[in-house]
């Protein structure tokens, strides 16, 4: 399949000008959400570790269902005549937008 969409993800420090690292996902819109969620889980989101009895718990800091819905909405409602969909990841929030 050909590249039809681009999604930029960046990890920021204390300010909007403090870009620590970033990824660009370029794929078709059918695979975009899965790839973005996977990169978020691996590189960007924290999994606080806790224990329930002897079972180790590592939930994502944001519910995966909510993340997927936000990413899908951004992909579906994008104006594809313009540039990237952007997601900024901060310590205390996510900021997602389209041009």
PDB file of N, CA and C in Angstrom:
ATOM      1  N   UNK A   1       0.832  -1.192   0.000  1.00  0.00           N
ATOM      2  CA  UNK A   1       0.000   0.000   0.000  1.00  0.00           C
ATOM      3  C   UNK A   1       0.871   1.248   0.000  1.00  0.00           C
ATOM      4  N   UNK A   2       0.384   2.283  -0.574  1.00  0.00           N
ATOM      5  CA  UNK A   2       1.160   3.511  -0.651  1.00  0.00           C
ATOM      6  C   UNK A   2       0.944   4.390   0.577  1.00  0.00           C
ATOM      7  N   UNK A   3       1.876   5.312   0.773  1.00  0.00           N
ATOM      8  CA  UNK A   3       1.769   6.266   1.876  1.00  0.00           C
ATOM      9  C   UNK A   3       0.695   7.281   1.540  1.00  0.00           C
ATOM     10  N   UNK A   4      -0.255   7.424   2.442  1.00  0.00           N
ATOM     11  CA  UNK A   4      -1.330   8.375   2.201  1.00  0.00           C
ATOM     12  C   UNK A   4      -1.519   9.342   3.367  1.00  0.00           C
ATOM     13  N   UNK A   5      -0.833   9.105   4.472  1.00  0.00           N
ATOM     14  CA  UNK A   5      -1.011   9.958   5.639  1.00  0.00           C
ATOM     15  C   UNK A   5       0.285  10.029   6.439  1.00  0.00           C
ATOM     16  N   UNK A   6       0.462  11.150   7.129  1.00  0.00           N
ATOM     17  CA  UNK A   6       1.644  11.342   7.970  1.00  0.00           C
ATOM     18  C   UNK A   6       1.214  11.863   9.328  1.00  0.00           C
ATOM     19  N   UNK A   7       1.848  11.355  10.373  1.00  0.00           N
ATOM     20  CA  UNK A   7       1.489  11.667  11.755  1.00  0.00           C
ATOM     21  C   UNK A   7       2.786  11.923  12.501  1.00  0.00           C
ATOM     22  N   UNK A   8       2.948  13.107  13.104  1.00  0.00           N
ATOM     23  CA  UNK A   8       4.147  13.441  13.879  1.00  0.00           C
ATOM     24  C   UNK A   8       3.832  13.330  15.364  1.00  0.00           C
ATOM     25  N   UNK A   9       4.698  12.638  16.083  1.00  0.00           N
ATOM     26  CA  UNK A   9       4.581  12.507  17.531  1.00  0.00           C
ATOM     27  C   UNK A   9       5.853  13.077  18.140  1.00  0.00           C
ATOM     28  N   UNK A  10       5.715  13.947  19.124  1.00  0.00           N
ATOM     29  CA  UNK A  10       6.881  14.528  19.777  1.00  0.00           C
ATOM     30  C   UNK A  10       6.766  14.455  21.284  1.00  0.00           C
ATOM     31  N   UNK A  11       7.882  14.210  21.929  1.00  0.00           N
ATOM     32  CA  UNK A  11       7.949  14.228  23.393  1.00  0.00           C
ATOM     33  C   UNK A  11       8.598  15.547  23.791  1.00  0.00           C
ATOM     34  N   UNK A  12       7.905  16.305  24.642  1.00  0.00           N
ATOM     35  CA  UNK A  12       8.367  17.633  25.033  1.00  0.00           C
ATOM     36  C   UNK A  12       8.673  17.676  26.525  1.00  0.00           C
ATOM     37  N   UNK A  13       9.609  18.555  26.865  1.00  0.00           N
ATOM     38  CA  UNK A  13       9.961  18.789  28.259  1.00  0.00           C
ATOM     39  C   UNK A  13       9.003  19.793  28.874  1.00  0.00           C
ATOM     40  N   UNK A  14       9.546  20.787  29.519  1.00  0.00           N
ATOM     41  CA  UNK A  14       8.739  21.762  30.261  1.00  0.00           C
ATOM     42  C   UNK A  14       8.008  22.764  29.361  1.00  0.00           C
ATOM     43  N   UNK A  15       8.507  23.013  28.145  1.00  0.00           N
ATOM     44  CA  UNK A  15       7.882  24.029  27.298  1.00  0.00           C
ATOM     45  C   UNK A  15       7.641  23.487  25.898  1.00  0.00           C
ATOM     46  N   UNK A  16       6.895  24.263  25.111  1.00  0.00           N
ATOM     47  CA  UNK A  16       6.619  23.891  23.723  1.00  0.00           C
ATOM     48  C   UNK A  16       7.871  23.892  22.860  1.00  0.00           C
ATOM     49  N   UNK A  17       8.928  24.544  23.316  1.00  0.00           N
ATOM     50  CA  UNK A  17      10.166  24.650  22.558  1.00  0.00           C
ATOM     51  C   UNK A  17      11.197  23.611  22.978  1.00  0.00           C
ATOM     52  N   UNK A  18      10.845  22.770  23.925  1.00  0.00           N
ATOM     53  CA  UNK A  18      11.772  21.779  24.473  1.00  0.00           C
ATOM     54  C   UNK A  18      11.451  20.393  23.918  1.00  0.00           C
ATOM     55  N   UNK A  19      11.685  20.192  22.610  1.00  0.00           N
ATOM     56  CA  UNK A  19      11.453  18.904  21.965  1.00  0.00           C
ATOM     57  C   UNK A  19      12.576  17.953  22.350  1.00  0.00           C
ATOM     58  N   UNK A  20      12.237  16.849  23.002  1.00  0.00           N
ATOM     59  CA  UNK A  20      13.235  15.880  23.440  1.00  0.00           C
ATOM     60  C   UNK A  20      13.528  14.842  22.353  1.00  0.00           C
ATOM     61  N   UNK A  21      12.471  14.328  21.718  1.00  0.00           N
ATOM     62  CA  UNK A  21      12.617  13.405  20.595  1.00  0.00           C
ATOM     63  C   UNK A  21      11.287  13.324  19.874  1.00  0.00           C
ATOM     64  N   UNK A  22      11.308  12.760  18.667  1.00  0.00           N
ATOM     65  CA  UNK A  22      10.066  12.657  17.899  1.00  0.00           C
ATOM     66  C   UNK A  22      10.105  11.472  16.942  1.00  0.00           C
ATOM     67  N   UNK A  23       8.941  11.108  16.464  1.00  0.00           N
ATOM     68  CA  UNK A  23       8.772  10.071  15.449  1.00  0.00           C
ATOM     69  C   UNK A  23       7.815  10.592  14.396  1.00  0.00           C
ATOM     70  N   UNK A  24       7.978  10.117  13.176  1.00  0.00           N
ATOM     71  CA  UNK A  24       7.041  10.397  12.103  1.00  0.00           C
ATOM     72  C   UNK A  24       6.522   9.055  11.599  1.00  0.00           C
ATOM     73  N   UNK A  25       5.210   8.913  11.605  1.00  0.00           N
ATOM     74  CA  UNK A  25       4.570   7.699  11.105  1.00  0.00           C
ATOM     75  C   UNK A  25       3.997   8.043   9.741  1.00  0.00           C
ATOM     76  N   UNK A  26       4.394   7.306   8.723  1.00  0.00           N
ATOM     77  CA  UNK A  26       3.880   7.513   7.371  1.00  0.00           C
ATOM     78  C   UNK A  26       3.366   6.184   6.853  1.00  0.00           C
ATOM     79  N   UNK A  27       2.065   6.115   6.640  1.00  0.00           N
ATOM     80  CA  UNK A  27       1.431   4.890   6.161  1.00  0.00           C
ATOM     81  C   UNK A  27       0.061   5.242   5.615  1.00  0.00           C
ATOM     82  N   UNK A  28      -0.710   4.247   5.280  1.00  0.00           N
ATOM     83  CA  UNK A  28      -2.069   4.516   4.824  1.00  0.00           C
ATOM     84  C   UNK A  28      -2.981   4.720   6.035  1.00  0.00           C
ATOM     85  N   UNK A  29      -4.127   5.323   5.824  1.00  0.00           N
ATOM     86  CA  UNK A  29      -4.999   5.673   6.951  1.00  0.00           C
ATOM     87  C   UNK A  29      -5.590   4.450   7.644  1.00  0.00           C
ATOM     88  N   UNK A  30      -5.613   3.312   6.977  1.00  0.00           N
ATOM     89  CA  UNK A  30      -6.165   2.102   7.586  1.00  0.00           C
ATOM     90  C   UNK A  30      -5.232   1.518   8.650  1.00  0.00           C
ATOM     91  N   UNK A  31      -3.947   1.717   8.499  1.00  0.00           N
ATOM     92  CA  UNK A  31      -2.958   1.196   9.448  1.00  0.00           C
ATOM     93  C   UNK A  31      -2.451   2.256  10.421  1.00  0.00           C
ATOM     94  N   UNK A  32      -2.781   3.513  10.167  1.00  0.00           N
ATOM     95  CA  UNK A  32      -2.228   4.630  10.924  1.00  0.00           C
ATOM     96  C   UNK A  32      -2.499   4.526  12.425  1.00  0.00           C
ATOM     97  N   UNK A  33      -3.737   4.319  12.829  1.00  0.00           N
ATOM     98  CA  UNK A  33      -4.077   4.308  14.255  1.00  0.00           C
ATOM     99  C   UNK A  33      -3.291   3.237  15.002  1.00  0.00           C
ATOM    100  N   UNK A  34      -3.217   2.029  14.458  1.00  0.00           N
ATOM    101  CA  UNK A  34      -2.486   0.954  15.129  1.00  0.00           C
ATOM    102  C   UNK A  34      -1.009   1.295  15.283  1.00  0.00           C
ATOM    103  N   UNK A  35      -0.412   1.859  14.251  1.00  0.00           N
ATOM    104  CA  UNK A  35       1.014   2.205  14.322  1.00  0.00           C
ATOM    105  C   UNK A  35       1.270   3.332  15.322  1.00  0.00           C
ATOM    106  N   UNK A  36       0.416   4.338  15.335  1.00  0.00           N
ATOM    107  CA  UNK A  36       0.583   5.449  16.276  1.00  0.00           C
ATOM    108  C   UNK A  36       0.436   4.953  17.711  1.00  0.00           C
ATOM    109  N   UNK A  37      -0.584   4.148  17.988  1.00  0.00           N
ATOM    110  CA  UNK A  37      -0.795   3.618  19.343  1.00  0.00           C
ATOM    111  C   UNK A  37       0.389   2.767  19.768  1.00  0.00           C
ATOM    112  N   UNK A  38       0.905   1.948  18.876  1.00  0.00           N
ATOM    113  CA  UNK A  38       2.044   1.090  19.212  1.00  0.00           C
ATOM    114  C   UNK A  38       3.278   1.925  19.561  1.00  0.00           C
ATOM    115  N   UNK A  39       3.565   2.957  18.774  1.00  0.00           N
ATOM    116  CA  UNK A  39       4.707   3.829  19.062  1.00  0.00           C
ATOM    117  C   UNK A  39       4.507   4.571  20.381  1.00  0.00           C
ATOM    118  N   UNK A  40       3.291   5.035  20.633  1.00  0.00           N
ATOM    119  CA  UNK A  40       3.004   5.690  21.921  1.00  0.00           C
ATOM    120  C   UNK A  40       3.284   4.741  23.078  1.00  0.00           C
ATOM    121  N   UNK A  41       2.833   3.515  22.975  1.00  0.00           N
ATOM    122  CA  UNK A  41       3.011   2.537  24.056  1.00  0.00           C
ATOM    123  C   UNK A  41       4.478   2.204  24.285  1.00  0.00           C
ATOM    124  N   UNK A  42       5.243   2.118  23.216  1.00  0.00           N
ATOM    125  CA  UNK A  42       6.649   1.711  23.330  1.00  0.00           C
ATOM    126  C   UNK A  42       7.554   2.868  23.752  1.00  0.00           C
ATOM    127  N   UNK A  43       7.369   4.062  23.155  1.00  0.00           N
ATOM    128  CA  UNK A  43       8.342   5.139  23.328  1.00  0.00           C
ATOM    129  C   UNK A  43       7.895   6.339  24.152  1.00  0.00           C
ATOM    130  N   UNK A  44       6.596   6.551  24.323  1.00  0.00           N
ATOM    131  CA  UNK A  44       6.150   7.840  24.841  1.00  0.00           C
ATOM    132  C   UNK A  44       5.388   7.784  26.161  1.00  0.00           C
ATOM    133  N   UNK A  45       4.650   6.738  26.394  1.00  0.00           N
ATOM    134  CA  UNK A  45       3.784   6.714  27.571  1.00  0.00           C
ATOM    135  C   UNK A  45       4.391   5.894  28.699  1.00  0.00           C
ATOM    136  N   UNK A  46       4.113   6.328  29.906  1.00  0.00           N
ATOM    137  CA  UNK A  46       4.629   5.683  31.103  1.00  0.00           C
ATOM    138  C   UNK A  46       3.664   4.572  31.521  1.00  0.00           C
ATOM    139  N   UNK A  47       4.207   3.494  32.006  1.00  0.00           N
ATOM    140  CA  UNK A  47       3.409   2.409  32.577  1.00  0.00           C
ATOM    141  C   UNK A  47       3.777   2.290  34.057  1.00  0.00           C
ATOM    142  N   UNK A  48       3.046   3.011  34.914  1.00  0.00           N
ATOM    143  CA  UNK A  48       3.367   2.923  36.348  1.00  0.00           C
ATOM    144  C   UNK A  48       3.185   1.493  36.850  1.00  0.00           C
ATOM    145  N   UNK A  49       4.163   1.004  37.548  1.00  0.00           N
ATOM    146  CA  UNK A  49       4.136  -0.374  38.043  1.00  0.00           C
ATOM    147  C   UNK A  49       3.550  -0.396  39.448  1.00  0.00           C
ATOM    148  N   UNK A  50       2.601  -1.304  39.638  1.00  0.00           N
ATOM    149  CA  UNK A  50       2.038  -1.544  40.968  1.00  0.00           C
ATOM    150  C   UNK A  50       1.780  -3.046  41.086  1.00  0.00           C
ATOM    151  N   UNK A  51       1.393  -3.463  42.272  1.00  0.00           N
ATOM    152  CA  UNK A  51       1.131  -4.885  42.497  1.00  0.00           C
ATOM    153  C   UNK A  51      -0.235  -5.068  43.119  1.00  0.00           C
ATOM    154  N   UNK A  52      -0.929  -6.067  42.642  1.00  0.00           N
ATOM    155  CA  UNK A  52      -2.209  -6.489  43.207  1.00  0.00           C
ATOM    156  C   UNK A  52      -1.967  -7.902  43.704  1.00  0.00           C
ATOM    157  N   UNK A  53      -1.681  -8.007  45.008  1.00  0.00           N
ATOM    158  CA  UNK A  53      -1.208  -9.290  45.526  1.00  0.00           C
ATOM    159  C   UNK A  53       0.172  -9.549  44.956  1.00  0.00           C
ATOM    160  N   UNK A  54       0.335 -10.677  44.276  1.00  0.00           N
ATOM    161  CA  UNK A  54       1.627 -10.970  43.647  1.00  0.00           C
ATOM    162  C   UNK A  54       1.617 -10.670  42.143  1.00  0.00           C
ATOM    163  N   UNK A  55       0.478 -10.201  41.636  1.00  0.00           N
ATOM    164  CA  UNK A  55       0.374  -9.878  40.216  1.00  0.00           C
ATOM    165  C   UNK A  55       0.900  -8.471  39.940  1.00  0.00           C
ATOM    166  N   UNK A  56       1.803  -8.377  38.989  1.00  0.00           N
ATOM    167  CA  UNK A  56       2.367  -7.089  38.593  1.00  0.00           C
ATOM    168  C   UNK A  56       1.405  -6.401  37.623  1.00  0.00           C
ATOM    169  N   UNK A  57       1.057  -5.149  37.922  1.00  0.00           N
ATOM    170  CA  UNK A  57       0.142  -4.369  37.103  1.00  0.00           C
ATOM    171  C   UNK A  57       0.940  -3.261  36.399  1.00  0.00           C
ATOM    172  N   UNK A  58       0.762  -3.112  35.091  1.00  0.00           N
ATOM    173  CA  UNK A  58       1.446  -2.069  34.315  1.00  0.00           C
ATOM    174  C   UNK A  58       0.470  -1.394  33.351  1.00  0.00           C
ATOM    175  N   UNK A  59      -0.554  -0.721  33.870  1.00  0.00           N
ATOM    176  CA  UNK A  59      -1.494  -0.054  32.966  1.00  0.00           C
ATOM    177  C   UNK A  59      -0.841   1.181  32.339  1.00  0.00           C
ATOM    178  N   UNK A  60      -1.306   1.547  31.144  1.00  0.00           N
ATOM    179  CA  UNK A  60      -0.846   2.796  30.538  1.00  0.00           C
ATOM    180  C   UNK A  60      -1.327   3.965  31.380  1.00  0.00           C
ATOM    181  N   UNK A  61      -0.616   5.077  31.327  1.00  0.00           N
ATOM    182  CA  UNK A  61      -1.023   6.251  32.096  1.00  0.00           C
ATOM    183  C   UNK A  61      -2.319   6.858  31.582  1.00  0.00           C
ATOM    184  N   UNK A  62      -2.688   6.574  30.320  1.00  0.00           N
ATOM    185  CA  UNK A  62      -3.970   6.983  29.746  1.00  0.00           C
ATOM    186  C   UNK A  62      -4.680   5.721  29.283  1.00  0.00           C
ATOM    187  N   UNK A  63      -5.986   5.642  29.427  1.00  0.00           N
ATOM    188  CA  UNK A  63      -6.698   4.440  28.958  1.00  0.00           C
ATOM    189  C   UNK A  63      -6.517   4.256  27.447  1.00  0.00           C
ATOM    190  N   UNK A  64      -6.164   3.050  27.037  1.00  0.00           N
ATOM    191  CA  UNK A  64      -5.905   2.792  25.622  1.00  0.00           C
ATOM    192  C   UNK A  64      -7.133   3.066  24.756  1.00  0.00           C
ATOM    193  N   UNK A  65      -8.319   2.786  25.263  1.00  0.00           N
ATOM    194  CA  UNK A  65      -9.543   3.062  24.503  1.00  0.00           C
ATOM    195  C   UNK A  65      -9.685   4.551  24.200  1.00  0.00           C
ATOM    196  N   UNK A  66      -9.405   5.396  25.172  1.00  0.00           N
ATOM    197  CA  UNK A  66      -9.488   6.845  24.977  1.00  0.00           C
ATOM    198  C   UNK A  66      -8.421   7.322  23.993  1.00  0.00           C
ATOM    199  N   UNK A  67      -7.202   6.785  24.098  1.00  0.00           N
ATOM    200  CA  UNK A  67      -6.136   7.145  23.161  1.00  0.00           C
ATOM    201  C   UNK A  67      -6.525   6.777  21.735  1.00  0.00           C
ATOM    202  N   UNK A  68      -7.013   5.556  21.573  1.00  0.00           N
ATOM    203  CA  UNK A  68      -7.385   5.085  20.237  1.00  0.00           C
ATOM    204  C   UNK A  68      -8.496   5.952  19.643  1.00  0.00           C
ATOM    205  N   UNK A  69      -9.484   6.306  20.460  1.00  0.00           N
ATOM    206  CA  UNK A  69     -10.589   7.141  19.970  1.00  0.00           C
ATOM    207  C   UNK A  69     -10.076   8.513  19.538  1.00  0.00           C
ATOM    208  N   UNK A  70      -9.199   9.115  20.317  1.00  0.00           N
ATOM    209  CA  UNK A  70      -8.650  10.431  19.975  1.00  0.00           C
ATOM    210  C   UNK A  70      -7.830  10.364  18.686  1.00  0.00           C
ATOM    211  N   UNK A  71      -6.990   9.348  18.555  1.00  0.00           N
ATOM    212  CA  UNK A  71      -6.159   9.195  17.360  1.00  0.00           C
ATOM    213  C   UNK A  71      -7.040   8.940  16.134  1.00  0.00           C
ATOM    214  N   UNK A  72      -8.025   8.060  16.271  1.00  0.00           N
ATOM    215  CA  UNK A  72      -8.936   7.780  15.153  1.00  0.00           C
ATOM    216  C   UNK A  72      -9.699   9.031  14.734  1.00  0.00           C
ATOM    217  N   UNK A  73     -10.184   9.810  15.691  1.00  0.00           N
ATOM    218  CA  UNK A  73     -10.887  11.050  15.361  1.00  0.00           C
ATOM    219  C   UNK A  73      -9.976  12.016  14.606  1.00  0.00           C
ATOM    220  N   UNK A  74      -8.727  12.117  15.035  1.00  0.00           N
ATOM    221  CA  UNK A  74      -7.782  13.004  14.354  1.00  0.00           C
ATOM    222  C   UNK A  74      -7.525  12.541  12.921  1.00  0.00           C
ATOM    223  N   UNK A  75      -7.433  11.237  12.726  1.00  0.00           N
ATOM    224  CA  UNK A  75      -7.191  10.697  11.388  1.00  0.00           C
ATOM    225  C   UNK A  75      -8.424  10.891  10.497  1.00  0.00           C
ATOM    226  N   UNK A  76      -9.583  10.590  11.022  1.00  0.00           N
ATOM    227  CA  UNK A  76     -10.825  10.655  10.243  1.00  0.00           C
ATOM    228  C   UNK A  76     -11.174  12.086   9.853  1.00  0.00           C
ATOM    229  N   UNK A  77     -10.973  13.044  10.750  1.00  0.00           N
ATOM    230  CA  UNK A  77     -11.399  14.419  10.514  1.00  0.00           C
ATOM    231  C   UNK A  77     -10.300  15.315   9.944  1.00  0.00           C
ATOM    232  N   UNK A  78      -9.218  14.732   9.484  1.00  0.00           N
ATOM    233  CA  UNK A  78      -8.100  15.511   8.943  1.00  0.00           C
ATOM    234  C   UNK A  78      -8.407  16.013   7.534  1.00  0.00           C
ATOM    235  N   UNK A  79      -7.906  17.185   7.230  1.00  0.00           N
ATOM    236  CA  UNK A  79      -7.930  17.724   5.873  1.00  0.00           C
ATOM    237  C   UNK A  79      -6.666  17.208   5.190  1.00  0.00           C
ATOM    238  N   UNK A  80      -6.793  16.228   4.324  1.00  0.00           N
ATOM    239  CA  UNK A  80      -5.633  15.572   3.731  1.00  0.00           C
ATOM    240  C   UNK A  80      -4.966  16.373   2.625  1.00  0.00           C
ATOM    241  N   UNK A  81      -5.452  17.577   2.370  1.00  0.00           N
ATOM    242  CA  UNK A  81      -4.739  18.440   1.433  1.00  0.00           C
ATOM    243  C   UNK A  81      -3.631  19.212   2.149  1.00  0.00           C
ATOM    244  N   UNK A  82      -3.579  19.094   3.478  1.00  0.00           N
ATOM    245  CA  UNK A  82      -2.550  19.786   4.261  1.00  0.00           C
ATOM    246  C   UNK A  82      -1.522  18.789   4.796  1.00  0.00           C
ATOM    247  N   UNK A  83      -0.754  19.209   5.747  1.00  0.00           N
ATOM    248  CA  UNK A  83       0.400  18.471   6.248  1.00  0.00           C
ATOM    249  C   UNK A  83       0.039  17.405   7.282  1.00  0.00           C
ATOM    250  N   UNK A  84       0.837  17.251   8.299  1.00  0.00           N
ATOM    251  CA  UNK A  84       0.741  16.197   9.297  1.00  0.00           C
ATOM    252  C   UNK A  84      -0.429  16.360  10.272  1.00  0.00           C
ATOM    253  N   UNK A  85      -0.748  15.270  10.935  1.00  0.00           N
ATOM    254  CA  UNK A  85      -1.493  15.295  12.183  1.00  0.00           C
ATOM    255  C   UNK A  85      -0.411  15.323  13.261  1.00  0.00           C
ATOM    256  N   UNK A  86      -0.584  16.133  14.290  1.00  0.00           N
ATOM    257  CA  UNK A  86       0.444  16.300  15.319  1.00  0.00           C
ATOM    258  C   UNK A  86      -0.045  15.813  16.676  1.00  0.00           C
ATOM    259  N   UNK A  87       0.851  15.180  17.417  1.00  0.00           N
ATOM    260  CA  UNK A  87       0.574  14.786  18.797  1.00  0.00           C
ATOM    261  C   UNK A  87       1.781  15.158  19.634  1.00  0.00           C
ATOM    262  N   UNK A  88       1.565  16.040  20.605  1.00  0.00           N
ATOM    263  CA  UNK A  88       2.626  16.424  21.544  1.00  0.00           C
ATOM    264  C   UNK A  88       2.371  15.704  22.862  1.00  0.00           C
ATOM    265  N   UNK A  89       3.394  15.050  23.364  1.00  0.00           N
ATOM    266  CA  UNK A  89       3.303  14.330  24.630  1.00  0.00           C
ATOM    267  C   UNK A  89       4.128  15.078  25.668  1.00  0.00           C
ATOM    268  N   UNK A  90       3.474  15.495  26.735  1.00  0.00           N
ATOM    269  CA  UNK A  90       4.120  16.171  27.863  1.00  0.00           C
ATOM    270  C   UNK A  90       4.019  15.264  29.090  1.00  0.00           C
ATOM    271  N   UNK A  91       4.663  15.649  30.172  1.00  0.00           N
ATOM    272  CA  UNK A  91       4.581  14.868  31.399  1.00  0.00           C
ATOM    273  C   UNK A  91       3.165  14.793  31.950  1.00  0.00           C
ATOM    274  N   UNK A  92       2.383  15.856  31.731  1.00  0.00           N
ATOM    275  CA  UNK A  92       1.066  15.936  32.364  1.00  0.00           C
ATOM    276  C   UNK A  92      -0.113  16.018  31.391  1.00  0.00           C
ATOM    277  N   UNK A  93       0.159  15.908  30.071  1.00  0.00           N
ATOM    278  CA  UNK A  93      -0.946  16.015  29.119  1.00  0.00           C
ATOM    279  C   UNK A  93      -0.506  15.566  27.728  1.00  0.00           C
ATOM    280  N   UNK A  94      -1.513  15.338  26.884  1.00  0.00           N
ATOM    281  CA  UNK A  94      -1.320  15.091  25.462  1.00  0.00           C
ATOM    282  C   UNK A  94      -1.991  16.223  24.707  1.00  0.00           C
ATOM    283  N   UNK A  95      -1.404  16.649  23.597  1.00  0.00           N
ATOM    284  CA  UNK A  95      -1.988  17.714  22.791  1.00  0.00           C
ATOM    285  C   UNK A  95      -2.012  17.214  21.348  1.00  0.00           C
ATOM    286  N   UNK A  96      -3.217  17.012  20.815  1.00  0.00           N
ATOM    287  CA  UNK A  96      -3.420  16.435  19.499  1.00  0.00           C
ATOM    288  C   UNK A  96      -4.142  17.421  18.613  1.00  0.00           C
ATOM    289  N   UNK A  97      -3.632  17.650  17.393  1.00  0.00           N
ATOM    290  CA  UNK A  97      -4.329  18.565  16.502  1.00  0.00           C
ATOM    291  C   UNK A  97      -3.974  18.302  15.038  1.00  0.00           C
ATOM    292  N   UNK A  98      -4.848  18.825  14.180  1.00  0.00           N
ATOM    293  CA  UNK A  98      -4.664  18.832  12.725  1.00  0.00           C
ATOM    294  C   UNK A  98      -4.615  20.269  12.260  1.00  0.00           C
ATOM    295  N   UNK A  99      -3.882  20.534  11.175  1.00  0.00           N
ATOM    296  CA  UNK A  99      -3.925  21.892  10.617  1.00  0.00           C
ATOM    297  C   UNK A  99      -5.301  22.182  10.026  1.00  0.00           C
TER     298      UNK A  99
END
